[in-house]
Structures are given as structure tokens and as C-alpha cells.
């Protein structure tokens, strides 16, 4: 029962489309009609409103954090990680938007920051370093996500925790398949471009 509750609860928290809600409340229209059409913070930044993009980033991370903390306190760390991974799934495939959501990078880092904070912090630092160096948000996310399960092995962990992180990492690569194609062709837009 606790597994089912953590998956359902985490998914529903993660499926709240903050990027869409905040941009509409700010009078910026439907974020799905802007840039890449993604509901995440990177695309929200294309509205020119850094404050709205920052709010989206924080809230997308926070929903995974909240899911993990609630279910960790109720049922333990492993169940908390499952809830965090379910929140990530909800962000990527929200039932309210016909399962067309974001790519989940902020939600992924939110889970890591609460679940194994040194891994989350390392992931964010790697993302920042790669984004600054290469100017590709997608490439930075892919590198940080790829390294996260490896870093997690260096800290106290269970198979469920590593499995949850690996699951999210795999989904990040799946959700970025178009970006990967553009990167390989040299056609990916850099940070501040029209596509991500």
C-alpha cells in the first residue's frame, strides 16, 4: 500500500504544471505556444521574464522535494525516493496536459537535493559548469544526469534509491532525444536560442 500511495501521491504532485500556471497568471499567455512549447523553466525564460523562469525552476524542484520528504517521513527513505521519481514522472507526463509535460531537469535535481544532497549539489555544479562552458542547456543536463547515479554509489544507498535515480536519468535521456539529435548534427540552439 505504501508503494502505491507514494507513486500516486508523487505523480500528482509532480504533474502540477507550474510553468504553464505561472506564465498565464503573469499575463504571458500559454507557454506551450512559445519557443519549444515546453513547460519548463528553460522555455519560460524565453518570455523574457527571468523572475517567472526562476519561480518555475524553484517550484518544479520543490514539488519533487515535497513528495520525497512527505513519504520519507511516513514510510522511510526508499519510499521517499520512489515518490520523488514518481513526481519526476508526473512532471514529464502530466495527466492534466494529455501527458505532454516538461523534461524534468529541475524536478530531477529537486529529488537529488533532498534525497542525497551532496549528489544533488554536485549535479547542479556540473550543470552550471557545462552550461557556462558549452552554452547548451540540454548538454549540461545530460552530462549531469549521466553522472548522478555514479556519484550516488559513493554515498550510503539502497538498490531502490539507485534504481530511482537511474530511472530518472534514463527518462531525461529519452525526453531529450530530439536535443541529442540536434547536438549530433550541430543544430542545437545555445542558451538564449529558440529551441531547447
C-alpha atoms as a PDB file:
ATOM      1  CA  UNK A   1       0.000   0.000   0.000  1.00  0.00           C
ATOM      2  CA  UNK A   2       2.806   2.454   0.832  1.00  0.00           C
ATOM      3  CA  UNK A   3       4.375   1.896  -2.588  1.00  0.00           C
ATOM      4  CA  UNK A   4       1.087   2.634  -4.332  1.00  0.00           C
ATOM      5  CA  UNK A   5       0.451   5.727  -2.214  1.00  0.00           C
ATOM      6  CA  UNK A   6       3.950   7.086  -2.845  1.00  0.00           C
ATOM      7  CA  UNK A   7       3.657   6.577  -6.602  1.00  0.00           C
ATOM      8  CA  UNK A   8       0.185   8.120  -6.857  1.00  0.00           C
ATOM      9  CA  UNK A   9       0.924  10.977  -4.447  1.00  0.00           C
ATOM     10  CA  UNK A  10       4.302  11.738  -6.004  1.00  0.00           C
ATOM     11  CA  UNK A  11       2.886  11.612  -9.522  1.00  0.00           C
ATOM     12  CA  UNK A  12       0.034  14.011  -8.692  1.00  0.00           C
ATOM     13  CA  UNK A  13       2.386  16.498  -7.024  1.00  0.00           C
ATOM     14  CA  UNK A  14       4.810  16.291  -9.923  1.00  0.00           C
ATOM     15  CA  UNK A  15       2.080  16.745 -12.511  1.00  0.00           C
ATOM     16  CA  UNK A  16       1.259  20.296 -11.356  1.00  0.00           C
ATOM     17  CA  UNK A  17       2.349  22.374 -14.407  1.00  0.00           C
ATOM     18  CA  UNK A  18       3.792  25.380 -12.617  1.00  0.00           C
ATOM     19  CA  UNK A  19       5.398  26.818 -15.759  1.00  0.00           C
ATOM     20  CA  UNK A  20       2.031  26.910 -17.505  1.00  0.00           C
ATOM     21  CA  UNK A  21       0.154  28.245 -14.465  1.00  0.00           C
ATOM     22  CA  UNK A  22       2.640  30.995 -13.591  1.00  0.00           C
ATOM     23  CA  UNK A  23       3.039  32.310 -17.141  1.00  0.00           C
ATOM     24  CA  UNK A  24      -0.736  32.507 -17.547  1.00  0.00           C
ATOM     25  CA  UNK A  25      -1.126  34.295 -14.207  1.00  0.00           C
ATOM     26  CA  UNK A  26       1.595  36.742 -15.275  1.00  0.00           C
ATOM     27  CA  UNK A  27      -0.327  37.537 -18.459  1.00  0.00           C
ATOM     28  CA  UNK A  28       2.272  35.942 -20.731  1.00  0.00           C
ATOM     29  CA  UNK A  29      -0.143  33.614 -22.486  1.00  0.00           C
ATOM     30  CA  UNK A  30       0.237  29.876 -22.952  1.00  0.00           C
ATOM     31  CA  UNK A  31       3.896  28.852 -22.579  1.00  0.00           C
ATOM     32  CA  UNK A  32       3.196  25.945 -24.926  1.00  0.00           C
ATOM     33  CA  UNK A  33       2.855  28.483 -27.754  1.00  0.00           C
ATOM     34  CA  UNK A  34       6.298  29.972 -27.073  1.00  0.00           C
ATOM     35  CA  UNK A  35       9.737  28.724 -28.113  1.00  0.00           C
ATOM     36  CA  UNK A  36       9.980  24.959 -27.840  1.00  0.00           C
ATOM     37  CA  UNK A  37       6.488  24.654 -26.341  1.00  0.00           C
ATOM     38  CA  UNK A  38       7.975  23.091 -23.219  1.00  0.00           C
ATOM     39  CA  UNK A  39       6.502  23.954 -19.801  1.00  0.00           C
ATOM     40  CA  UNK A  40       9.871  24.001 -18.008  1.00  0.00           C
ATOM     41  CA  UNK A  41      11.981  26.899 -16.770  1.00  0.00           C
ATOM     42  CA  UNK A  42      14.299  26.985 -19.805  1.00  0.00           C
ATOM     43  CA  UNK A  43      11.400  27.716 -22.133  1.00  0.00           C
ATOM     44  CA  UNK A  44       9.735  30.088 -19.646  1.00  0.00           C
ATOM     45  CA  UNK A  45      12.958  32.112 -19.779  1.00  0.00           C
ATOM     46  CA  UNK A  46      12.208  32.772 -23.444  1.00  0.00           C
ATOM     47  CA  UNK A  47       9.330  35.005 -22.381  1.00  0.00           C
ATOM     48  CA  UNK A  48      11.974  37.482 -21.223  1.00  0.00           C
ATOM     49  CA  UNK A  49      10.825  37.204 -17.605  1.00  0.00           C
ATOM     50  CA  UNK A  50      13.736  35.898 -15.549  1.00  0.00           C
ATOM     51  CA  UNK A  51      11.688  36.151 -12.363  1.00  0.00           C
ATOM     52  CA  UNK A  52       8.959  33.913 -13.761  1.00  0.00           C
ATOM     53  CA  UNK A  53      11.540  31.441 -15.052  1.00  0.00           C
ATOM     54  CA  UNK A  54      13.231  31.372 -11.625  1.00  0.00           C
ATOM     55  CA  UNK A  55       9.893  30.791  -9.911  1.00  0.00           C
ATOM     56  CA  UNK A  56       9.147  27.937 -12.307  1.00  0.00           C
ATOM     57  CA  UNK A  57      12.559  26.387 -11.644  1.00  0.00           C
ATOM     58  CA  UNK A  58      12.110  26.569  -7.875  1.00  0.00           C
ATOM     59  CA  UNK A  59       8.557  25.205  -7.883  1.00  0.00           C
ATOM     60  CA  UNK A  60       9.377  22.380 -10.302  1.00  0.00           C
ATOM     61  CA  UNK A  61      12.193  21.332  -7.981  1.00  0.00           C
ATOM     62  CA  UNK A  62      10.095  21.864  -4.859  1.00  0.00           C
ATOM     63  CA  UNK A  63       7.297  19.519  -5.898  1.00  0.00           C
ATOM     64  CA  UNK A  64       9.733  16.593  -6.004  1.00  0.00           C
ATOM     65  CA  UNK A  65      11.307  17.703  -2.730  1.00  0.00           C
ATOM     66  CA  UNK A  66       7.923  17.843  -1.025  1.00  0.00           C
ATOM     67  CA  UNK A  67       6.891  14.443  -2.361  1.00  0.00           C
ATOM     68  CA  UNK A  68      10.129  12.851  -1.178  1.00  0.00           C
ATOM     69  CA  UNK A  69      10.010  14.451   2.286  1.00  0.00           C
ATOM     70  CA  UNK A  70       6.355  13.546   2.906  1.00  0.00           C
ATOM     71  CA  UNK A  71       6.732   9.894   2.002  1.00  0.00           C
ATOM     72  CA  UNK A  72      10.182   9.543   3.551  1.00  0.00           C
ATOM     73  CA  UNK A  73       8.755  10.755   6.858  1.00  0.00           C
ATOM     74  CA  UNK A  74       5.811   8.386   6.533  1.00  0.00           C
ATOM     75  CA  UNK A  75       7.480   5.240   5.247  1.00  0.00           C
ATOM     76  CA  UNK A  76      11.256   5.654   5.092  1.00  0.00           C
ATOM     77  CA  UNK A  77      13.931   6.796   2.660  1.00  0.00           C
ATOM     78  CA  UNK A  78      13.340   4.202  -0.059  1.00  0.00           C
ATOM     79  CA  UNK A  79       9.638   5.019  -0.330  1.00  0.00           C
ATOM     80  CA  UNK A  80      10.543   8.712  -0.336  1.00  0.00           C
ATOM     81  CA  UNK A  81      12.809   8.160  -3.334  1.00  0.00           C
ATOM     82  CA  UNK A  82      10.036   6.333  -5.148  1.00  0.00           C
ATOM     83  CA  UNK A  83       7.743   9.322  -4.526  1.00  0.00           C
ATOM     84  CA  UNK A  84      10.433  11.678  -5.869  1.00  0.00           C
ATOM     85  CA  UNK A  85      10.830   9.578  -9.007  1.00  0.00           C
ATOM     86  CA  UNK A  86       7.039   9.491  -9.394  1.00  0.00           C
ATOM     87  CA  UNK A  87       6.980  13.300  -9.127  1.00  0.00           C
ATOM     88  CA  UNK A  88       9.539  13.413 -11.923  1.00  0.00           C
ATOM     89  CA  UNK A  89       7.319  11.116 -13.993  1.00  0.00           C
ATOM     90  CA  UNK A  90       4.329  13.362 -13.288  1.00  0.00           C
ATOM     91  CA  UNK A  91       6.226  16.428 -14.448  1.00  0.00           C
ATOM     92  CA  UNK A  92       7.184  14.751 -17.722  1.00  0.00           C
ATOM     93  CA  UNK A  93       3.770  13.201 -18.355  1.00  0.00           C
ATOM     94  CA  UNK A  94       1.083  15.215 -16.513  1.00  0.00           C
ATOM     95  CA  UNK A  95      -2.401  13.813 -16.815  1.00  0.00           C
ATOM     96  CA  UNK A  96      -3.838  17.355 -16.895  1.00  0.00           C
ATOM     97  CA  UNK A  97      -1.959  18.196 -20.124  1.00  0.00           C
ATOM     98  CA  UNK A  98      -2.640  14.974 -22.026  1.00  0.00           C
ATOM     99  CA  UNK A  99       0.703  13.615 -20.757  1.00  0.00           C
ATOM    100  CA  UNK A 100       2.688  16.346 -22.536  1.00  0.00           C
ATOM    101  CA  UNK A 101       4.924  17.891 -19.900  1.00  0.00           C
ATOM    102  CA  UNK A 102       8.443  19.129 -19.371  1.00  0.00           C
ATOM    103  CA  UNK A 103      11.792  17.398 -19.469  1.00  0.00           C
ATOM    104  CA  UNK A 104      12.120  17.302 -15.707  1.00  0.00           C
ATOM    105  CA  UNK A 105      15.646  18.550 -15.079  1.00  0.00           C
ATOM    106  CA  UNK A 106      14.651  20.796 -12.153  1.00  0.00           C
ATOM    107  CA  UNK A 107      12.436  18.047 -10.723  1.00  0.00           C
ATOM    108  CA  UNK A 108      15.311  15.577 -11.041  1.00  0.00           C
ATOM    109  CA  UNK A 109      17.667  17.869  -9.138  1.00  0.00           C
ATOM    110  CA  UNK A 110      14.988  18.535  -6.532  1.00  0.00           C
ATOM    111  CA  UNK A 111      14.783  14.817  -5.804  1.00  0.00           C
ATOM    112  CA  UNK A 112      18.564  14.535  -5.527  1.00  0.00           C
ATOM    113  CA  UNK A 113      18.970  17.600  -3.305  1.00  0.00           C
ATOM    114  CA  UNK A 114      16.630  16.177  -0.684  1.00  0.00           C
ATOM    115  CA  UNK A 115      17.426  12.507  -1.198  1.00  0.00           C
ATOM    116  CA  UNK A 116      21.256  12.617  -1.308  1.00  0.00           C
ATOM    117  CA  UNK A 117      22.136  16.287  -1.061  1.00  0.00           C
ATOM    118  CA  UNK A 118      25.859  16.003  -1.993  1.00  0.00           C
ATOM    119  CA  UNK A 119      24.843  14.267  -5.243  1.00  0.00           C
ATOM    120  CA  UNK A 120      22.253  16.942  -5.945  1.00  0.00           C
ATOM    121  CA  UNK A 121      24.769  19.695  -5.259  1.00  0.00           C
ATOM    122  CA  UNK A 122      27.411  18.050  -7.455  1.00  0.00           C
ATOM    123  CA  UNK A 123      24.837  17.644 -10.224  1.00  0.00           C
ATOM    124  CA  UNK A 124      23.892  21.311 -10.109  1.00  0.00           C
ATOM    125  CA  UNK A 125      27.536  22.408 -10.106  1.00  0.00           C
ATOM    126  CA  UNK A 126      28.251  20.162 -13.091  1.00  0.00           C
ATOM    127  CA  UNK A 127      25.201  21.545 -14.903  1.00  0.00           C
ATOM    128  CA  UNK A 128      26.344  25.115 -14.244  1.00  0.00           C
ATOM    129  CA  UNK A 129      29.917  24.401 -15.339  1.00  0.00           C
ATOM    130  CA  UNK A 130      28.801  22.647 -18.544  1.00  0.00           C
ATOM    131  CA  UNK A 131      26.191  25.275 -19.356  1.00  0.00           C
ATOM    132  CA  UNK A 132      28.756  28.041 -18.868  1.00  0.00           C
ATOM    133  CA  UNK A 133      31.398  26.218 -20.916  1.00  0.00           C
ATOM    134  CA  UNK A 134      29.330  24.833 -23.791  1.00  0.00           C
ATOM    135  CA  UNK A 135      26.247  27.125 -23.650  1.00  0.00           C
ATOM    136  CA  UNK A 136      23.891  24.183 -24.219  1.00  0.00           C
ATOM    137  CA  UNK A 137      21.274  23.659 -21.510  1.00  0.00           C
ATOM    138  CA  UNK A 138      20.400  20.231 -22.881  1.00  0.00           C
ATOM    139  CA  UNK A 139      24.009  19.005 -22.974  1.00  0.00           C
ATOM    140  CA  UNK A 140      24.610  20.244 -19.431  1.00  0.00           C
ATOM    141  CA  UNK A 141      21.524  18.364 -18.229  1.00  0.00           C
ATOM    142  CA  UNK A 142      22.549  15.160 -19.989  1.00  0.00           C
ATOM    143  CA  UNK A 143      26.071  15.201 -18.562  1.00  0.00           C
ATOM    144  CA  UNK A 144      24.859  15.941 -15.022  1.00  0.00           C
ATOM    145  CA  UNK A 145      22.141  13.268 -15.234  1.00  0.00           C
ATOM    146  CA  UNK A 146      24.570  10.665 -16.575  1.00  0.00           C
ATOM    147  CA  UNK A 147      26.976  11.229 -13.691  1.00  0.00           C
ATOM    148  CA  UNK A 148      24.339  11.347 -10.930  1.00  0.00           C
ATOM    149  CA  UNK A 149      23.877   7.568 -10.466  1.00  0.00           C
ATOM    150  CA  UNK A 150      27.649   7.118 -10.418  1.00  0.00           C
ATOM    151  CA  UNK A 151      28.043   9.782  -7.727  1.00  0.00           C
ATOM    152  CA  UNK A 152      25.192   8.222  -5.732  1.00  0.00           C
ATOM    153  CA  UNK A 153      27.141   4.975  -5.471  1.00  0.00           C
ATOM    154  CA  UNK A 154      29.757   6.812  -3.396  1.00  0.00           C
ATOM    155  CA  UNK A 155      27.244   7.531  -0.621  1.00  0.00           C
ATOM    156  CA  UNK A 156      25.090   5.281   1.603  1.00  0.00           C
ATOM    157  CA  UNK A 157      22.379   3.953  -0.672  1.00  0.00           C
ATOM    158  CA  UNK A 158      19.979   1.117  -1.371  1.00  0.00           C
ATOM    159  CA  UNK A 159      19.112  -0.617  -4.620  1.00  0.00           C
ATOM    160  CA  UNK A 160      15.787   1.221  -4.652  1.00  0.00           C
ATOM    161  CA  UNK A 161      17.491   4.611  -4.366  1.00  0.00           C
ATOM    162  CA  UNK A 162      19.953   3.846  -7.151  1.00  0.00           C
ATOM    163  CA  UNK A 163      17.147   2.362  -9.235  1.00  0.00           C
ATOM    164  CA  UNK A 164      15.034   5.513  -8.810  1.00  0.00           C
ATOM    165  CA  UNK A 165      17.945   7.747  -9.846  1.00  0.00           C
ATOM    166  CA  UNK A 166      18.778   5.511 -12.813  1.00  0.00           C
ATOM    167  CA  UNK A 167      15.102   5.548 -13.847  1.00  0.00           C
ATOM    168  CA  UNK A 168      15.036   9.361 -13.848  1.00  0.00           C
ATOM    169  CA  UNK A 169      18.354   9.510 -15.690  1.00  0.00           C
ATOM    170  CA  UNK A 170      17.030   7.202 -18.399  1.00  0.00           C
ATOM    171  CA  UNK A 171      13.899   9.331 -18.772  1.00  0.00           C
ATOM    172  CA  UNK A 172      15.982  12.502 -19.048  1.00  0.00           C
ATOM    173  CA  UNK A 173      17.815  10.980 -22.000  1.00  0.00           C
ATOM    174  CA  UNK A 174      14.529   9.824 -23.565  1.00  0.00           C
ATOM    175  CA  UNK A 175      12.930  13.240 -23.055  1.00  0.00           C
ATOM    176  CA  UNK A 176      15.982  14.892 -24.651  1.00  0.00           C
ATOM    177  CA  UNK A 177      16.147  12.605 -27.691  1.00  0.00           C
ATOM    178  CA  UNK A 178      15.402  15.464 -30.086  1.00  0.00           C
ATOM    179  CA  UNK A 179      18.057  17.613 -28.411  1.00  0.00           C
ATOM    180  CA  UNK A 180      20.558  14.779 -28.723  1.00  0.00           C
ATOM    181  CA  UNK A 181      19.824  14.551 -32.437  1.00  0.00           C
ATOM    182  CA  UNK A 182      20.354  18.286 -32.885  1.00  0.00           C
ATOM    183  CA  UNK A 183      23.550  18.206 -30.816  1.00  0.00           C
ATOM    184  CA  UNK A 184      24.973  15.446 -33.001  1.00  0.00           C
ATOM    185  CA  UNK A 185      24.116  17.461 -36.117  1.00  0.00           C
ATOM    186  CA  UNK A 186      25.452  20.704 -34.666  1.00  0.00           C
ATOM    187  CA  UNK A 187      21.992  22.251 -34.908  1.00  0.00           C
ATOM    188  CA  UNK A 188      21.111  22.646 -31.224  1.00  0.00           C
ATOM    189  CA  UNK A 189      20.392  26.211 -30.117  1.00  0.00           C
ATOM    190  CA  UNK A 190      22.588  27.556 -27.392  1.00  0.00           C
ATOM    191  CA  UNK A 191      21.237  29.081 -24.199  1.00  0.00           C
ATOM    192  CA  UNK A 192      19.118  32.034 -25.207  1.00  0.00           C
ATOM    193  CA  UNK A 193      18.198  30.460 -28.581  1.00  0.00           C
ATOM    194  CA  UNK A 194      14.757  29.478 -29.808  1.00  0.00           C
ATOM    195  CA  UNK A 195      14.878  25.714 -29.294  1.00  0.00           C
ATOM    196  CA  UNK A 196      15.804  23.507 -26.351  1.00  0.00           C
END
